[in-house]
Structure formats: C-alpha cells, structure tokens
Amino acid sequence: MKTADVDVLIVGAWPTGLTRLATVGRGFRPLRNSLLKLLACVPAFRRELAWGLSGLVYR
C-alpha cells in the first residue's frame, strides 16, 4: 500500500471518527477534552485535522 493510499484511508475515516468523538457519553467527555487539548499541542495533528475538515484533501 502506497503512502497516498494510506492518506486516503485515514482521511476517509475522519467524518466517522469525528462524529463518534463528538458524541461520546457524558462520562467520557473529560477524557476526550483532555486528549484533544494534548493533541492540539502537536503541529502535525493540527495540520492533518485542518486539511481533513477543510475538504482540500479531495482536490
């Protein structure tokens, strides 16, 4: 599998993963929020998230 193929698979999983992440139960919200706060410090994560949400990866 090429790197581009892997990128497409990861980007294709974004909508499902983000929906699942956004709708976690009340008990998991503090953990989710802490995890996202930690990941927000990682530039590569922020860049990939921005590209995935913008839809520019499909151009």
N, C-alpha and C. Protein backbone atom coordinates (compact mmCIF):
# COMPACT_ATOMS: atom_id res chain seq x y z
N MET A 1 0.84 -1.18 0.00
CA MET A 1 0.00 0.00 0.00
C MET A 1 0.89 1.25 0.00
N LYS A 2 0.63 2.17 -0.90
CA LYS A 2 1.41 3.39 -1.01
C LYS A 2 1.00 4.37 0.08
N THR A 3 1.85 5.36 0.32
CA THR A 3 1.55 6.38 1.32
C THR A 3 0.29 7.14 0.96
N ALA A 4 0.10 7.45 -0.32
CA ALA A 4 -1.10 8.18 -0.75
C ALA A 4 -2.36 7.36 -0.46
N ASP A 5 -2.28 6.04 -0.64
CA ASP A 5 -3.43 5.19 -0.36
C ASP A 5 -3.78 5.22 1.13
N VAL A 6 -2.75 5.21 1.94
CA VAL A 6 -2.97 5.26 3.39
C VAL A 6 -3.59 6.59 3.77
N ASP A 7 -3.11 7.69 3.18
CA ASP A 7 -3.68 9.01 3.46
C ASP A 7 -5.16 9.05 3.11
N VAL A 8 -5.54 8.47 1.99
CA VAL A 8 -6.94 8.45 1.58
C VAL A 8 -7.76 7.65 2.59
N LEU A 9 -7.25 6.55 3.06
CA LEU A 9 -7.97 5.75 4.05
C LEU A 9 -8.15 6.53 5.34
N ILE A 10 -7.10 7.21 5.78
CA ILE A 10 -7.19 7.98 7.02
C ILE A 10 -8.17 9.12 6.87
N VAL A 11 -8.09 9.86 5.76
CA VAL A 11 -8.99 10.99 5.53
C VAL A 11 -10.42 10.51 5.39
N GLY A 12 -10.61 9.37 4.74
CA GLY A 12 -11.96 8.83 4.60
C GLY A 12 -12.58 8.46 5.93
N ALA A 13 -11.75 8.18 6.91
CA ALA A 13 -12.24 7.81 8.23
C ALA A 13 -12.53 9.03 9.10
N TRP A 14 -12.09 10.21 8.69
CA TRP A 14 -12.27 11.40 9.52
C TRP A 14 -13.72 11.67 9.89
N PRO A 15 -14.65 11.73 8.92
CA PRO A 15 -16.03 12.08 9.30
C PRO A 15 -16.63 11.12 10.32
N THR A 16 -16.44 9.84 10.14
CA THR A 16 -16.98 8.87 11.08
C THR A 16 -16.32 9.00 12.44
N GLY A 17 -15.02 9.12 12.44
CA GLY A 17 -14.29 9.24 13.69
C GLY A 17 -14.63 10.50 14.45
N LEU A 18 -14.77 11.61 13.73
CA LEU A 18 -15.10 12.88 14.39
C LEU A 18 -16.51 12.85 14.95
N THR A 19 -17.44 12.24 14.23
CA THR A 19 -18.80 12.14 14.74
C THR A 19 -18.83 11.29 16.00
N ARG A 20 -18.14 10.19 15.97
CA ARG A 20 -18.09 9.30 17.13
C ARG A 20 -17.43 10.02 18.31
N LEU A 21 -16.37 10.77 18.03
CA LEU A 21 -15.67 11.50 19.08
C LEU A 21 -16.55 12.61 19.67
N ALA A 22 -17.31 13.27 18.82
CA ALA A 22 -18.16 14.37 19.28
C ALA A 22 -19.35 13.90 20.10
N THR A 23 -19.76 12.67 19.91
CA THR A 23 -20.98 12.20 20.58
C THR A 23 -20.70 11.17 21.68
N VAL A 24 -19.51 11.24 22.27
CA VAL A 24 -19.21 10.31 23.36
C VAL A 24 -20.12 10.61 24.56
N GLY A 25 -20.27 9.63 25.40
CA GLY A 25 -21.12 9.79 26.57
C GLY A 25 -20.58 10.80 27.57
N ARG A 26 -21.42 11.18 28.48
CA ARG A 26 -21.09 12.20 29.47
C ARG A 26 -19.86 11.82 30.30
N GLY A 27 -19.72 10.54 30.61
CA GLY A 27 -18.60 10.10 31.43
C GLY A 27 -17.25 10.19 30.73
N PHE A 28 -17.26 10.14 29.39
CA PHE A 28 -16.00 10.17 28.64
C PHE A 28 -15.61 11.57 28.19
N ARG A 29 -16.48 12.54 28.35
CA ARG A 29 -16.18 13.89 27.87
C ARG A 29 -14.93 14.50 28.50
N PRO A 30 -14.73 14.38 29.81
CA PRO A 30 -13.49 14.95 30.37
C PRO A 30 -12.23 14.31 29.77
N LEU A 31 -12.27 13.00 29.55
CA LEU A 31 -11.14 12.30 28.93
C LEU A 31 -10.94 12.78 27.50
N ARG A 32 -12.04 12.89 26.75
CA ARG A 32 -11.98 13.37 25.36
C ARG A 32 -11.40 14.77 25.31
N ASN A 33 -11.88 15.63 26.18
CA ASN A 33 -11.41 17.02 26.18
C ASN A 33 -9.92 17.11 26.53
N SER A 34 -9.50 16.31 27.48
CA SER A 34 -8.08 16.30 27.86
C SER A 34 -7.22 15.78 26.71
N LEU A 35 -7.69 14.74 26.05
CA LEU A 35 -6.96 14.17 24.92
C LEU A 35 -6.84 15.18 23.78
N LEU A 36 -7.92 15.86 23.47
CA LEU A 36 -7.89 16.84 22.39
C LEU A 36 -7.00 18.02 22.75
N LYS A 37 -7.01 18.41 24.01
CA LYS A 37 -6.15 19.51 24.45
C LYS A 37 -4.69 19.12 24.29
N LEU A 38 -4.37 17.88 24.62
CA LEU A 38 -3.00 17.38 24.48
C LEU A 38 -2.60 17.30 23.00
N LEU A 39 -3.49 16.76 22.17
CA LEU A 39 -3.20 16.62 20.74
C LEU A 39 -3.09 17.97 20.04
N ALA A 40 -3.75 18.98 20.57
CA ALA A 40 -3.70 20.31 19.96
C ALA A 40 -2.31 20.91 20.04
N CYS A 41 -1.46 20.37 20.90
CA CYS A 41 -0.08 20.84 21.03
C CYS A 41 0.83 20.22 19.97
N VAL A 42 0.32 19.25 19.22
CA VAL A 42 1.11 18.57 18.20
C VAL A 42 0.80 19.19 16.83
N PRO A 43 1.76 19.92 16.25
CA PRO A 43 1.51 20.60 14.98
C PRO A 43 1.04 19.67 13.86
N ALA A 44 1.59 18.47 13.78
CA ALA A 44 1.20 17.55 12.71
C ALA A 44 -0.27 17.15 12.85
N PHE A 45 -0.73 16.96 14.06
CA PHE A 45 -2.15 16.62 14.28
C PHE A 45 -3.04 17.78 13.86
N ARG A 46 -2.67 18.99 14.27
CA ARG A 46 -3.48 20.15 13.92
C ARG A 46 -3.55 20.35 12.42
N ARG A 47 -2.42 20.15 11.75
CA ARG A 47 -2.38 20.32 10.29
C ARG A 47 -3.27 19.29 9.60
N GLU A 48 -3.16 18.02 9.99
CA GLU A 48 -3.98 16.96 9.39
C GLU A 48 -5.46 17.19 9.67
N LEU A 49 -5.77 17.62 10.87
CA LEU A 49 -7.17 17.89 11.21
C LEU A 49 -7.71 19.03 10.36
N ALA A 50 -6.94 20.10 10.21
CA ALA A 50 -7.37 21.24 9.40
C ALA A 50 -7.59 20.82 7.94
N TRP A 51 -6.67 20.05 7.38
CA TRP A 51 -6.82 19.58 6.00
C TRP A 51 -8.04 18.69 5.86
N GLY A 52 -8.24 17.80 6.81
CA GLY A 52 -9.38 16.89 6.73
C GLY A 52 -10.71 17.61 6.84
N LEU A 53 -10.78 18.59 7.74
CA LEU A 53 -12.03 19.33 7.92
C LEU A 53 -12.31 20.28 6.76
N SER A 54 -11.27 20.81 6.15
CA SER A 54 -11.46 21.78 5.06
C SER A 54 -11.92 21.13 3.77
N GLY A 55 -11.63 19.85 3.60
CA GLY A 55 -12.00 19.17 2.37
C GLY A 55 -11.00 19.37 1.25
N LEU A 56 -9.91 20.07 1.52
CA LEU A 56 -8.90 20.32 0.48
C LEU A 56 -8.18 19.06 0.07
N VAL A 57 -8.22 18.04 0.89
CA VAL A 57 -7.54 16.79 0.56
C VAL A 57 -8.21 16.08 -0.62
N TYR A 58 -9.43 16.46 -0.93
CA TYR A 58 -10.16 15.82 -2.03
C TYR A 58 -9.92 16.51 -3.36
N ARG A 59 -9.16 17.58 -3.40
CA ARG A 59 -8.90 18.33 -4.65
C ARG A 59 -7.74 17.76 -5.39
